[in-house]
Amino acid sequence: QVQLVESGGGLVQPGGSLRLSCVVSGNIFSRSIMGWYRQVPGKERELVAKADTGVSLSYAEAVKGRFTISRDNAKKTVYLQMNSLKPEEPAVYYCNAQHACLGTTYWGQGTQVTVSS
């Protein structure tokens, strides 16, 4: 049984920082492309950052230079360090795992990030 559990969301002031974590149960982590997505009501879920099974990282243009994705294969955990958060970035942030060979995709339940003064 594969489960993704996010944590670390919350309320932060504009310009502040948060670190999200996603722990993956099961045996897929090291063979999965890990990603963070976000979604606001009425809009489609969008990719924020992605870390493949090697060393390649990719980011949405809107977060480049402010967000950092990292993964710890031993802990089966992927992180998203978010700095300089903007007022327009509140959303539910979701963790995603896509098996690199099988293509099977899994989602976490999401964690709310609120940016407000």
Protein backbone atom coordinates (compact mmCIF):
# COMPACT_ATOMS: atom_id res chain seq x y z
CA GLN A 1 0.00 0.00 0.00
CA VAL A 2 1.46 3.31 -1.09
CA GLN A 3 0.63 6.42 0.89
CA LEU A 4 1.93 9.96 0.68
CA VAL A 5 1.58 12.11 3.78
CA GLU A 6 2.36 15.82 3.61
CA SER A 7 3.07 18.10 6.52
CA GLY A 8 4.47 21.55 7.18
CA GLY A 9 1.75 23.77 5.82
CA GLY A 10 0.36 26.67 7.78
CA LEU A 11 0.07 30.42 8.00
CA VAL A 12 3.01 32.60 7.10
CA GLN A 13 3.44 36.30 6.48
CA PRO A 14 4.39 37.59 3.04
CA GLY A 15 8.12 37.20 2.61
CA GLY A 16 8.22 34.35 5.08
CA SER A 17 9.30 30.75 4.70
CA LEU A 18 7.85 27.30 5.14
CA ARG A 19 9.21 23.82 4.58
CA LEU A 20 6.85 21.13 3.41
CA SER A 21 7.60 17.44 3.87
CA CYS A 22 6.11 14.39 2.23
CA VAL A 23 6.77 10.92 3.56
CA VAL A 24 6.07 8.00 1.24
CA SER A 25 5.19 4.56 2.52
CA GLY A 26 5.74 1.51 0.37
CA ASN A 27 8.70 0.66 -1.81
CA ILE A 28 8.36 3.07 -4.70
CA PHE A 29 10.21 6.14 -3.49
CA SER A 30 13.66 5.57 -4.96
CA ARG A 31 12.15 4.65 -8.33
CA SER A 32 9.71 7.56 -8.45
CA ILE A 33 9.83 11.05 -9.80
CA MET A 34 8.70 13.20 -6.90
CA GLY A 35 6.83 16.43 -7.40
CA TRP A 36 5.05 19.21 -5.56
CA TYR A 37 1.92 20.73 -7.05
CA ARG A 38 -0.45 23.40 -5.81
CA GLN A 39 -4.06 24.23 -6.42
CA VAL A 40 -6.37 27.09 -5.58
CA PRO A 41 -10.16 26.87 -5.80
CA GLY A 42 -11.43 27.20 -9.33
CA LYS A 43 -8.06 26.60 -10.94
CA GLU A 44 -6.22 23.56 -12.21
CA ARG A 45 -3.53 21.93 -10.17
CA GLU A 46 -0.14 23.22 -11.28
CA LEU A 47 3.35 21.83 -11.02
CA VAL A 48 5.62 23.70 -8.62
CA ALA A 49 8.77 21.58 -8.58
CA LYS A 50 9.95 18.14 -9.55
CA ALA A 51 12.87 15.91 -8.58
CA ASP A 52 13.61 12.90 -10.72
CA THR A 53 15.25 9.69 -9.58
CA GLY A 54 18.70 11.09 -10.27
CA VAL A 55 19.88 14.61 -9.63
CA SER A 56 17.69 16.55 -12.02
CA LEU A 57 15.45 19.20 -10.51
CA SER A 58 12.94 21.43 -12.26
CA TYR A 59 10.82 24.36 -11.17
CA ALA A 60 7.91 26.42 -12.36
CA GLU A 61 9.10 29.82 -13.54
CA ALA A 62 7.09 31.55 -10.83
CA VAL A 63 9.06 29.89 -8.01
CA LYS A 64 12.58 29.69 -9.44
CA GLY A 65 15.14 31.12 -7.05
CA ARG A 66 12.73 31.01 -4.09
CA PHE A 67 11.67 27.37 -3.74
CA THR A 68 13.94 24.35 -3.42
CA ILE A 69 12.91 20.74 -3.79
CA SER A 70 15.03 17.99 -2.30
CA ARG A 71 14.67 14.31 -1.61
CA ASP A 72 16.08 11.90 0.93
CA ASN A 73 15.82 8.38 -0.41
CA ALA A 74 16.83 6.82 2.90
CA LYS A 75 13.97 8.57 4.66
CA LYS A 76 11.57 8.22 1.70
CA THR A 77 10.87 11.90 2.07
CA VAL A 78 10.68 14.80 -0.33
CA TYR A 79 10.87 18.39 0.86
CA LEU A 80 9.87 21.74 -0.53
CA GLN A 81 11.60 24.72 1.02
CA MET A 82 9.61 27.82 0.20
CA ASN A 83 11.19 31.22 0.78
CA SER A 84 9.95 34.73 0.08
CA LEU A 85 6.36 33.57 -0.11
CA LYS A 86 4.04 35.93 -1.92
CA PRO A 87 0.47 36.94 -1.06
CA GLU A 88 -0.76 35.31 -4.28
CA GLU A 89 0.67 31.92 -3.37
CA PRO A 90 -1.79 30.53 -0.85
CA ALA A 91 -2.93 27.13 -2.05
CA VAL A 92 -3.26 23.52 -1.13
CA TYR A 93 0.10 21.94 -1.86
CA TYR A 94 0.12 18.33 -2.97
CA CYS A 95 2.89 15.76 -3.06
CA ASN A 96 3.04 13.51 -6.10
CA ALA A 97 4.95 10.32 -6.85
CA GLN A 98 5.18 8.94 -10.36
CA HIS A 99 6.86 5.59 -10.81
CA ALA A 100 9.57 6.19 -13.39
CA CYS A 101 9.06 2.84 -15.15
CA LEU A 102 5.42 1.94 -14.58
CA GLY A 103 4.02 5.46 -14.78
CA THR A 104 1.72 4.83 -11.84
CA THR A 105 0.90 8.05 -10.04
CA TYR A 106 0.08 8.64 -6.39
CA TRP A 107 -1.09 11.77 -4.57
CA GLY A 108 -1.01 12.95 -1.01
CA GLN A 109 -4.00 14.51 0.71
CA GLY A 110 -2.58 18.03 0.47
CA THR A 111 -1.46 20.60 2.98
CA GLN A 112 -2.81 24.14 3.15
CA VAL A 113 -0.43 27.07 2.85
CA THR A 114 -1.80 30.49 3.72
CA VAL A 115 0.16 33.68 3.10
CA SER A 116 -1.29 36.63 4.92
CA SER A 117 -0.28 39.52 7.12
